[in-house]
Amino acid sequence: MKVNLMFLLLACAGAQAHDGTVNVSGTIQDNTCIVAPSSQAQTVPLGDISAKQFATQGSGSQPVAFVIDLQKCGAAATGVDFTFSGTADSDDKTLLAVDSGSDAAQGIGIELQNADHTRLPLNQASARYALDPTLTDNQFTFYARYIATANSVTSGTAKATATFTLTWQ
């Protein structure tokens, strides 16, 4: 009888069920910004420069600043990487190639630089730039300049197009 009572007690203990609740909560925040209209399609005027200024490979023109303005950053936006893309120069793949054509300059490429005038290699992500979502505008200054890719530069048209891609953190 004791054995039967034991089995009965064990059977009752295992048959009890408990219901529980798991509550999950959180917030989905935006971690991107809007590229200001003034930054979406820019022309950076590098000027008319004598081919003689580029006496040797690696010599360059004065850098010209341009700004990429990011607006309305989400509350979770903390950083952004910039990647400039385009056709790479055949002599130096880190430079942007000038557009080809019968009147195109030869022996010259376009160097993109960060605010510290350090080269930003084409088609490679930059170092991370900090974003402040409390600011109306987060402005980032970059530079472009001509740089000789050969010891002899031939005069002509020297223009190119680069696009930029943003990677948010």
N, C-alpha and C. Protein backbone atom coordinates (compact mmCIF):
# COMPACT_ATOMS: atom_id res chain seq x y z
N MET A 1 0.82 -1.18 0.00
CA MET A 1 0.00 0.00 0.00
C MET A 1 0.87 1.25 0.00
N LYS A 2 2.00 1.15 0.74
CA LYS A 2 2.90 2.29 0.76
C LYS A 2 3.48 2.54 -0.63
N VAL A 3 3.77 1.46 -1.36
CA VAL A 3 4.34 1.59 -2.69
C VAL A 3 3.31 2.22 -3.63
N ASN A 4 2.06 1.80 -3.54
CA ASN A 4 1.01 2.37 -4.39
C ASN A 4 0.81 3.85 -4.10
N LEU A 5 0.85 4.21 -2.82
CA LEU A 5 0.68 5.61 -2.43
C LEU A 5 1.85 6.44 -2.95
N MET A 6 3.05 5.87 -2.92
CA MET A 6 4.24 6.55 -3.43
C MET A 6 4.08 6.84 -4.92
N PHE A 7 3.68 5.82 -5.70
CA PHE A 7 3.49 6.02 -7.13
C PHE A 7 2.40 7.04 -7.41
N LEU A 8 1.36 7.03 -6.63
CA LEU A 8 0.26 7.97 -6.79
C LEU A 8 0.74 9.40 -6.54
N LEU A 9 1.55 9.59 -5.50
CA LEU A 9 2.08 10.93 -5.20
C LEU A 9 3.03 11.40 -6.31
N LEU A 10 3.89 10.51 -6.79
CA LEU A 10 4.81 10.87 -7.87
C LEU A 10 4.05 11.20 -9.15
N ALA A 11 3.02 10.47 -9.45
CA ALA A 11 2.23 10.71 -10.65
C ALA A 11 1.53 12.06 -10.57
N CYS A 12 1.04 12.42 -9.39
CA CYS A 12 0.37 13.71 -9.22
C CYS A 12 1.36 14.86 -9.32
N ALA A 13 2.54 14.68 -8.79
CA ALA A 13 3.54 15.75 -8.82
C ALA A 13 3.97 16.05 -10.25
N GLY A 14 4.11 15.05 -11.08
CA GLY A 14 4.54 15.25 -12.46
C GLY A 14 3.42 15.78 -13.34
N ALA A 15 2.20 15.65 -12.94
CA ALA A 15 1.08 16.06 -13.75
C ALA A 15 0.75 17.54 -13.58
N GLN A 16 1.33 18.20 -12.61
CA GLN A 16 1.03 19.61 -12.40
C GLN A 16 1.72 20.44 -13.49
N ALA A 17 1.00 21.36 -14.10
CA ALA A 17 1.55 22.23 -15.14
C ALA A 17 1.50 23.66 -14.64
N HIS A 18 2.48 24.41 -15.09
CA HIS A 18 2.52 25.83 -14.73
C HIS A 18 2.58 26.64 -16.02
N ASP A 19 1.81 27.69 -16.08
CA ASP A 19 1.85 28.60 -17.22
C ASP A 19 2.76 29.76 -16.85
N GLY A 20 3.47 30.28 -17.83
CA GLY A 20 4.36 31.41 -17.59
C GLY A 20 4.27 32.39 -18.75
N THR A 21 4.83 33.54 -18.54
CA THR A 21 4.81 34.60 -19.55
C THR A 21 6.21 35.13 -19.74
N VAL A 22 6.57 35.35 -20.96
CA VAL A 22 7.83 36.01 -21.28
C VAL A 22 7.47 37.29 -22.02
N ASN A 23 7.84 38.42 -21.45
CA ASN A 23 7.62 39.71 -22.10
C ASN A 23 8.93 40.16 -22.75
N VAL A 24 8.85 40.59 -23.98
CA VAL A 24 10.00 41.08 -24.71
C VAL A 24 9.72 42.52 -25.11
N SER A 25 10.69 43.38 -24.87
CA SER A 25 10.49 44.77 -25.26
C SER A 25 11.79 45.36 -25.79
N GLY A 26 11.69 46.42 -26.50
CA GLY A 26 12.86 47.08 -27.05
C GLY A 26 12.42 48.18 -28.00
N THR A 27 13.38 48.80 -28.60
CA THR A 27 13.10 49.87 -29.55
C THR A 27 13.98 49.66 -30.78
N ILE A 28 13.40 49.81 -31.92
CA ILE A 28 14.16 49.76 -33.16
C ILE A 28 14.47 51.21 -33.53
N GLN A 29 15.76 51.52 -33.62
CA GLN A 29 16.15 52.90 -33.88
C GLN A 29 16.83 53.00 -35.23
N ASP A 30 16.69 54.16 -35.82
CA ASP A 30 17.32 54.44 -37.10
C ASP A 30 18.77 54.81 -36.88
N ASN A 31 19.68 54.18 -37.62
CA ASN A 31 21.10 54.51 -37.47
C ASN A 31 21.68 55.08 -38.76
N THR A 32 20.82 55.68 -39.57
CA THR A 32 21.30 56.29 -40.81
C THR A 32 21.03 57.78 -40.80
N CYS A 33 21.55 58.45 -41.80
CA CYS A 33 21.33 59.88 -42.00
C CYS A 33 20.87 60.08 -43.44
N ILE A 34 20.47 61.29 -43.73
CA ILE A 34 20.11 61.67 -45.09
C ILE A 34 21.27 62.47 -45.68
N VAL A 35 21.65 62.15 -46.90
CA VAL A 35 22.67 62.95 -47.59
C VAL A 35 21.98 64.23 -48.05
N ALA A 36 22.49 65.37 -47.61
CA ALA A 36 21.90 66.66 -47.96
C ALA A 36 21.86 66.82 -49.48
N PRO A 37 20.81 67.46 -50.00
CA PRO A 37 20.72 67.66 -51.45
C PRO A 37 21.97 68.33 -52.04
N SER A 38 22.57 69.24 -51.31
CA SER A 38 23.76 69.94 -51.81
C SER A 38 24.97 69.02 -51.93
N SER A 39 24.92 67.86 -51.29
CA SER A 39 26.04 66.91 -51.33
C SER A 39 25.81 65.75 -52.29
N GLN A 40 24.61 65.66 -52.84
CA GLN A 40 24.28 64.50 -53.66
C GLN A 40 24.93 64.52 -55.05
N ALA A 41 25.13 65.68 -55.61
CA ALA A 41 25.75 65.79 -56.94
C ALA A 41 26.59 67.06 -56.95
N GLN A 42 27.87 66.91 -56.69
CA GLN A 42 28.76 68.06 -56.58
C GLN A 42 29.75 68.08 -57.75
N THR A 43 30.20 69.28 -58.05
CA THR A 43 31.30 69.47 -58.98
C THR A 43 32.42 70.15 -58.22
N VAL A 44 33.60 69.54 -58.24
CA VAL A 44 34.76 70.10 -57.54
C VAL A 44 35.67 70.71 -58.61
N PRO A 45 35.75 72.04 -58.67
CA PRO A 45 36.56 72.69 -59.71
C PRO A 45 38.05 72.67 -59.36
N LEU A 46 38.81 71.83 -60.01
CA LEU A 46 40.25 71.74 -59.74
C LEU A 46 41.05 72.80 -60.49
N GLY A 47 40.41 73.48 -61.43
CA GLY A 47 41.05 74.60 -62.09
C GLY A 47 41.82 74.24 -63.33
N ASP A 48 42.36 75.28 -63.96
CA ASP A 48 43.21 75.14 -65.14
C ASP A 48 44.66 75.22 -64.68
N ILE A 49 45.39 74.14 -64.85
CA ILE A 49 46.75 74.05 -64.31
C ILE A 49 47.70 73.68 -65.44
N SER A 50 48.83 74.32 -65.46
CA SER A 50 49.85 74.05 -66.48
C SER A 50 50.41 72.63 -66.32
N ALA A 51 50.59 71.95 -67.44
CA ALA A 51 51.19 70.61 -67.41
C ALA A 51 52.60 70.67 -66.84
N LYS A 52 53.26 71.82 -66.95
CA LYS A 52 54.63 71.96 -66.44
C LYS A 52 54.69 71.92 -64.92
N GLN A 53 53.54 72.14 -64.26
CA GLN A 53 53.52 72.07 -62.79
C GLN A 53 53.80 70.64 -62.32
N PHE A 54 53.52 69.68 -63.16
CA PHE A 54 53.69 68.27 -62.81
C PHE A 54 55.03 67.79 -63.37
N ALA A 55 56.11 68.25 -62.75
CA ALA A 55 57.46 68.00 -63.25
C ALA A 55 57.89 66.54 -63.12
N THR A 56 57.40 65.88 -62.08
CA THR A 56 57.79 64.48 -61.85
C THR A 56 56.58 63.67 -61.40
N GLN A 57 56.71 62.37 -61.52
CA GLN A 57 55.66 61.48 -61.04
C GLN A 57 55.45 61.73 -59.55
N GLY A 58 54.19 61.86 -59.15
CA GLY A 58 53.86 62.11 -57.74
C GLY A 58 53.64 63.57 -57.42
N SER A 59 54.07 64.48 -58.30
CA SER A 59 53.81 65.90 -58.02
C SER A 59 52.33 66.17 -58.24
N GLY A 60 51.80 67.12 -57.47
CA GLY A 60 50.36 67.35 -57.54
C GLY A 60 49.97 68.81 -57.46
N SER A 61 48.71 69.05 -57.74
CA SER A 61 48.14 70.38 -57.63
C SER A 61 47.69 70.63 -56.19
N GLN A 62 47.26 71.84 -55.93
CA GLN A 62 46.74 72.16 -54.60
C GLN A 62 45.41 71.43 -54.40
N PRO A 63 45.20 70.85 -53.22
CA PRO A 63 43.92 70.18 -52.95
C PRO A 63 42.78 71.19 -52.89
N VAL A 64 41.63 70.78 -53.38
CA VAL A 64 40.41 71.59 -53.35
C VAL A 64 39.39 70.86 -52.47
N ALA A 65 38.84 71.58 -51.51
CA ALA A 65 37.92 70.98 -50.54
C ALA A 65 36.52 70.78 -51.13
N PHE A 66 35.88 69.73 -50.67
CA PHE A 66 34.44 69.55 -50.89
C PHE A 66 33.88 68.92 -49.62
N VAL A 67 32.60 69.17 -49.38
CA VAL A 67 31.96 68.75 -48.12
C VAL A 67 30.82 67.79 -48.43
N ILE A 68 30.74 66.73 -47.65
CA ILE A 68 29.58 65.84 -47.68
C ILE A 68 28.83 66.09 -46.38
N ASP A 69 27.60 66.53 -46.53
CA ASP A 69 26.76 66.95 -45.42
C ASP A 69 25.70 65.88 -45.17
N LEU A 70 25.71 65.31 -43.97
CA LEU A 70 24.73 64.31 -43.58
C LEU A 70 23.77 64.94 -42.59
N GLN A 71 22.47 64.78 -42.83
CA GLN A 71 21.45 65.43 -42.02
C GLN A 71 20.48 64.42 -41.43
N LYS A 72 19.77 64.86 -40.40
CA LYS A 72 18.70 64.08 -39.78
C LYS A 72 19.16 62.67 -39.42
N CYS A 73 20.27 62.59 -38.72
CA CYS A 73 20.81 61.29 -38.33
C CYS A 73 19.93 60.65 -37.27
N GLY A 74 19.70 59.36 -37.39
CA GLY A 74 18.92 58.63 -36.41
C GLY A 74 19.62 58.58 -35.06
N ALA A 75 18.83 58.36 -34.02
CA ALA A 75 19.36 58.37 -32.65
C ALA A 75 20.44 57.32 -32.42
N ALA A 76 20.41 56.25 -33.19
CA ALA A 76 21.40 55.18 -33.01
C ALA A 76 22.62 55.35 -33.92
N ALA A 77 22.65 56.42 -34.70
CA ALA A 77 23.77 56.64 -35.63
C ALA A 77 25.00 57.06 -34.84
N THR A 78 26.05 56.28 -34.94
CA THR A 78 27.29 56.59 -34.21
C THR A 78 28.49 56.78 -35.12
N GLY A 79 28.45 56.19 -36.32
CA GLY A 79 29.60 56.31 -37.20
C GLY A 79 29.27 55.97 -38.63
N VAL A 80 30.14 56.40 -39.52
CA VAL A 80 29.95 56.15 -40.94
C VAL A 80 31.32 55.98 -41.61
N ASP A 81 31.38 55.06 -42.56
CA ASP A 81 32.57 54.88 -43.40
C ASP A 81 32.20 55.36 -44.80
N PHE A 82 33.12 56.02 -45.46
CA PHE A 82 32.93 56.49 -46.83
C PHE A 82 33.76 55.63 -47.76
N THR A 83 33.17 55.20 -48.86
CA THR A 83 33.91 54.51 -49.91
C THR A 83 33.68 55.27 -51.21
N PHE A 84 34.76 55.80 -51.78
CA PHE A 84 34.67 56.48 -53.07
C PHE A 84 35.01 55.47 -54.15
N SER A 85 34.15 55.39 -55.16
CA SER A 85 34.32 54.41 -56.23
C SER A 85 34.36 55.11 -57.58
N GLY A 86 34.98 54.47 -58.50
CA GLY A 86 35.07 54.99 -59.86
C GLY A 86 36.09 54.19 -60.63
N THR A 87 36.41 54.66 -61.81
CA THR A 87 37.41 53.99 -62.63
C THR A 87 38.80 54.33 -62.10
N ALA A 88 39.54 53.29 -61.78
CA ALA A 88 40.89 53.49 -61.23
C ALA A 88 41.87 53.84 -62.34
N ASP A 89 42.84 54.67 -62.00
CA ASP A 89 43.92 55.03 -62.92
C ASP A 89 44.73 53.77 -63.25
N SER A 90 45.14 53.62 -64.49
CA SER A 90 45.87 52.40 -64.88
C SER A 90 47.27 52.34 -64.29
N ASP A 91 47.86 53.48 -63.96
CA ASP A 91 49.20 53.49 -63.37
C ASP A 91 49.19 53.41 -61.85
N ASP A 92 48.11 53.87 -61.22
CA ASP A 92 48.00 53.87 -59.76
C ASP A 92 46.55 53.61 -59.39
N LYS A 93 46.25 52.40 -58.99
CA LYS A 93 44.87 51.96 -58.73
C LYS A 93 44.21 52.68 -57.55
N THR A 94 44.97 53.41 -56.76
CA THR A 94 44.37 54.15 -55.64
C THR A 94 43.82 55.50 -56.08
N LEU A 95 44.14 55.90 -57.32
CA LEU A 95 43.70 57.18 -57.87
C LEU A 95 42.53 56.99 -58.83
N LEU A 96 41.75 58.04 -58.96
CA LEU A 96 40.65 58.08 -59.91
C LEU A 96 41.22 58.43 -61.29
N ALA A 97 40.85 57.66 -62.30
CA ALA A 97 41.33 57.92 -63.66
C ALA A 97 40.56 59.09 -64.26
N VAL A 98 41.25 59.90 -65.04
CA VAL A 98 40.55 60.94 -65.80
C VAL A 98 39.83 60.27 -66.97
N ASP A 99 38.71 60.88 -67.36
CA ASP A 99 37.94 60.32 -68.48
C ASP A 99 38.81 60.28 -69.73
N SER A 100 38.68 59.20 -70.48
CA SER A 100 39.47 59.05 -71.71
C SER A 100 38.81 59.80 -72.86
N GLY A 101 39.56 59.98 -73.89
CA GLY A 101 39.07 60.66 -75.09
C GLY A 101 40.24 61.25 -75.84
N SER A 102 39.98 61.70 -77.06
CA SER A 102 41.07 62.22 -77.89
C SER A 102 41.67 63.50 -77.32
N ASP A 103 40.90 64.24 -76.50
CA ASP A 103 41.42 65.48 -75.93
C ASP A 103 41.75 65.34 -74.44
N ALA A 104 41.84 64.11 -73.93
CA ALA A 104 42.09 63.89 -72.50
C ALA A 104 43.56 64.07 -72.14
N ALA A 105 43.79 64.63 -70.97
CA ALA A 105 45.15 64.74 -70.44
C ALA A 105 45.70 63.34 -70.21
N GLN A 106 47.00 63.20 -70.28
CA GLN A 106 47.66 61.91 -70.08
C GLN A 106 48.68 62.04 -68.95
N GLY A 107 48.87 60.93 -68.21
CA GLY A 107 49.87 60.92 -67.14
C GLY A 107 49.41 61.59 -65.87
N ILE A 108 48.10 61.69 -65.70
CA ILE A 108 47.54 62.38 -64.53
C ILE A 108 46.37 61.58 -63.98
N GLY A 109 46.21 61.60 -62.66
CA GLY A 109 45.08 60.98 -62.00
C GLY A 109 44.53 61.95 -60.97
N ILE A 110 43.46 61.55 -60.31
CA ILE A 110 42.84 62.41 -59.29
C ILE A 110 42.91 61.69 -57.95
N GLU A 111 43.52 62.37 -57.01
CA GLU A 111 43.66 61.83 -55.66
C GLU A 111 42.55 62.40 -54.78
N LEU A 112 41.90 61.53 -54.01
CA LEU A 112 40.93 61.95 -53.00
C LEU A 112 41.58 61.84 -51.65
N GLN A 113 41.32 62.83 -50.79
CA GLN A 113 41.96 62.89 -49.48
C GLN A 113 40.91 63.12 -48.40
N ASN A 114 41.25 62.70 -47.17
CA ASN A 114 40.39 63.01 -46.03
C ASN A 114 40.74 64.40 -45.51
N ALA A 115 40.14 64.80 -44.40
CA ALA A 115 40.34 66.15 -43.85
C ALA A 115 41.78 66.39 -43.42
N ASP A 116 42.54 65.33 -43.14
CA ASP A 116 43.95 65.46 -42.75
C ASP A 116 44.89 65.41 -43.96
N HIS A 117 44.31 65.43 -45.15
CA HIS A 117 45.08 65.36 -46.40
C HIS A 117 45.80 64.02 -46.58
N THR A 118 45.23 62.98 -46.00
CA THR A 118 45.73 61.62 -46.20
C THR A 118 44.95 61.01 -47.36
N ARG A 119 45.64 60.33 -48.25
CA ARG A 119 44.98 59.73 -49.41
C ARG A 119 43.91 58.74 -48.98
N LEU A 120 42.76 58.84 -49.64
CA LEU A 120 41.69 57.85 -49.50
C LEU A 120 41.74 56.98 -50.75
N PRO A 121 42.29 55.78 -50.64
CA PRO A 121 42.39 54.93 -51.83
C PRO A 121 41.02 54.65 -52.43
N LEU A 122 40.96 54.73 -53.73
CA LEU A 122 39.73 54.47 -54.46
C LEU A 122 39.24 53.05 -54.18
N ASN A 123 37.95 52.90 -54.05
CA ASN A 123 37.28 51.60 -53.87
C ASN A 123 37.63 50.91 -52.55
N GLN A 124 38.08 51.68 -51.56
CA GLN A 124 38.35 51.13 -50.23
C GLN A 124 37.64 51.98 -49.19
N ALA A 125 37.09 51.35 -48.18
CA ALA A 125 36.40 52.09 -47.12
C ALA A 125 37.38 52.95 -46.33
N SER A 126 36.92 54.11 -45.98
CA SER A 126 37.72 55.02 -45.15
C SER A 126 37.73 54.53 -43.72
N ALA A 127 38.49 55.22 -42.91
CA ALA A 127 38.39 55.01 -41.47
C ALA A 127 37.00 55.48 -41.04
N ARG A 128 36.57 55.04 -39.89
CA ARG A 128 35.24 55.42 -39.41
C ARG A 128 35.23 56.87 -38.95
N TYR A 129 34.19 57.58 -39.36
CA TYR A 129 33.95 58.95 -38.93
C TYR A 129 32.82 58.94 -37.91
N ALA A 130 33.01 59.66 -36.82
CA ALA A 130 31.99 59.72 -35.77
C ALA A 130 30.83 60.60 -36.21
N LEU A 131 29.63 60.17 -35.85
CA LEU A 131 28.41 60.94 -36.10
C LEU A 131 27.86 61.42 -34.77
N ASP A 132 27.29 62.60 -34.76
CA ASP A 132 26.61 63.13 -33.58
C ASP A 132 25.14 63.33 -33.95
N PRO A 133 24.25 62.39 -33.55
CA PRO A 133 22.85 62.49 -33.95
C PRO A 133 22.13 63.70 -33.35
N THR A 134 22.75 64.38 -32.39
CA THR A 134 22.12 65.58 -31.82
C THR A 134 22.33 66.81 -32.69
N LEU A 135 23.25 66.72 -33.65
CA LEU A 135 23.49 67.85 -34.55
C LEU A 135 22.53 67.81 -35.74
N THR A 136 22.16 68.97 -36.23
CA THR A 136 21.32 69.06 -37.42
C THR A 136 22.10 68.58 -38.64
N ASP A 137 23.36 68.97 -38.71
CA ASP A 137 24.23 68.59 -39.83
C ASP A 137 25.51 67.98 -39.30
N ASN A 138 25.92 66.89 -39.90
CA ASN A 138 27.25 66.31 -39.67
C ASN A 138 27.99 66.50 -40.98
N GLN A 139 28.95 67.41 -40.98
CA GLN A 139 29.66 67.75 -42.21
C GLN A 139 31.06 67.16 -42.19
N PHE A 140 31.43 66.57 -43.34
CA PHE A 140 32.73 65.92 -43.47
C PHE A 140 33.45 66.52 -44.68
N THR A 141 34.66 67.01 -44.43
CA THR A 141 35.44 67.65 -45.48
C THR A 141 36.41 66.66 -46.11
N PHE A 142 36.44 66.67 -47.41
CA PHE A 142 37.36 65.86 -48.20
C PHE A 142 38.05 66.78 -49.20
N TYR A 143 39.07 66.27 -49.85
CA TYR A 143 39.81 67.05 -50.83
C TYR A 143 40.03 66.22 -52.09
N ALA A 144 40.16 66.94 -53.20
CA ALA A 144 40.52 66.31 -54.48
C ALA A 144 41.65 67.13 -55.09
N ARG A 145 42.56 66.45 -55.78
CA ARG A 145 43.64 67.16 -56.48
C ARG A 145 44.15 66.28 -57.60
N TYR A 146 44.77 66.94 -58.57
CA TYR A 146 45.46 66.22 -59.64
C TYR A 146 46.81 65.76 -59.11
N ILE A 147 47.23 64.59 -59.56
CA ILE A 147 48.55 64.09 -59.20
C ILE A 147 49.14 63.36 -60.42
N ALA A 148 50.40 63.64 -60.69
CA ALA A 148 51.06 63.03 -61.85
C ALA A 148 51.31 61.55 -61.60
N THR A 149 50.93 60.74 -62.58
CA THR A 149 51.17 59.30 -62.49
C THR A 149 52.34 58.88 -63.38
N ALA A 150 52.92 59.86 -64.05
CA ALA A 150 54.07 59.61 -64.93
C ALA A 150 55.00 60.82 -64.86
N ASN A 151 56.19 60.68 -65.35
CA ASN A 151 57.14 61.80 -65.35
C ASN A 151 56.80 62.86 -66.39
N SER A 152 55.93 62.52 -67.31
CA SER A 152 55.53 63.46 -68.35
C SER A 152 54.01 63.53 -68.38
N VAL A 153 53.47 64.74 -68.23
CA VAL A 153 52.02 64.95 -68.27
C VAL A 153 51.70 65.68 -69.57
N THR A 154 50.72 65.16 -70.29
CA THR A 154 50.27 65.77 -71.54
C THR A 154 49.01 66.57 -71.25
N SER A 155 48.96 67.80 -71.76
CA SER A 155 47.81 68.67 -71.50
C SER A 155 46.55 68.13 -72.17
N GLY A 156 45.41 68.51 -71.62
CA GLY A 156 44.11 68.10 -72.16
C GLY A 156 43.06 68.17 -71.07
N THR A 157 41.89 67.71 -71.39
CA THR A 157 40.78 67.70 -70.43
C THR A 157 41.07 66.67 -69.34
N ALA A 158 40.84 67.08 -68.10
CA ALA A 158 41.09 66.17 -66.97
C ALA A 158 39.89 66.22 -66.03
N LYS A 159 38.92 65.38 -66.33
CA LYS A 159 37.73 65.30 -65.49
C LYS A 159 37.41 63.84 -65.23
N ALA A 160 36.67 63.60 -64.17
CA ALA A 160 36.32 62.23 -63.79
C ALA A 160 35.08 62.27 -62.92
N THR A 161 34.50 61.11 -62.70
CA THR A 161 33.34 61.00 -61.83
C THR A 161 33.60 59.91 -60.80
N ALA A 162 33.31 60.25 -59.56
CA ALA A 162 33.38 59.28 -58.47
C ALA A 162 32.03 59.25 -57.78
N THR A 163 31.67 58.11 -57.28
CA THR A 163 30.48 57.99 -56.45
C THR A 163 30.94 57.63 -55.04
N PHE A 164 30.11 57.95 -54.06
CA PHE A 164 30.46 57.55 -52.70
C PHE A 164 29.34 56.71 -52.12
N THR A 165 29.76 55.74 -51.32
CA THR A 165 28.85 54.84 -50.63
C THR A 165 29.09 55.00 -49.14
N LEU A 166 28.02 55.02 -48.38
CA LEU A 166 28.11 55.18 -46.93
C LEU A 166 27.78 53.85 -46.26
N THR A 167 28.58 53.47 -45.29
CA THR A 167 28.32 52.28 -44.48
C THR A 167 28.13 52.76 -43.05
N TRP A 168 26.95 52.51 -42.51
CA TRP A 168 26.57 53.05 -41.19
C TRP A 168 26.97 52.10 -40.07
N GLN A 169 27.32 52.68 -38.96
CA GLN A 169 27.66 51.91 -37.76
C GLN A 169 26.67 52.24 -36.66
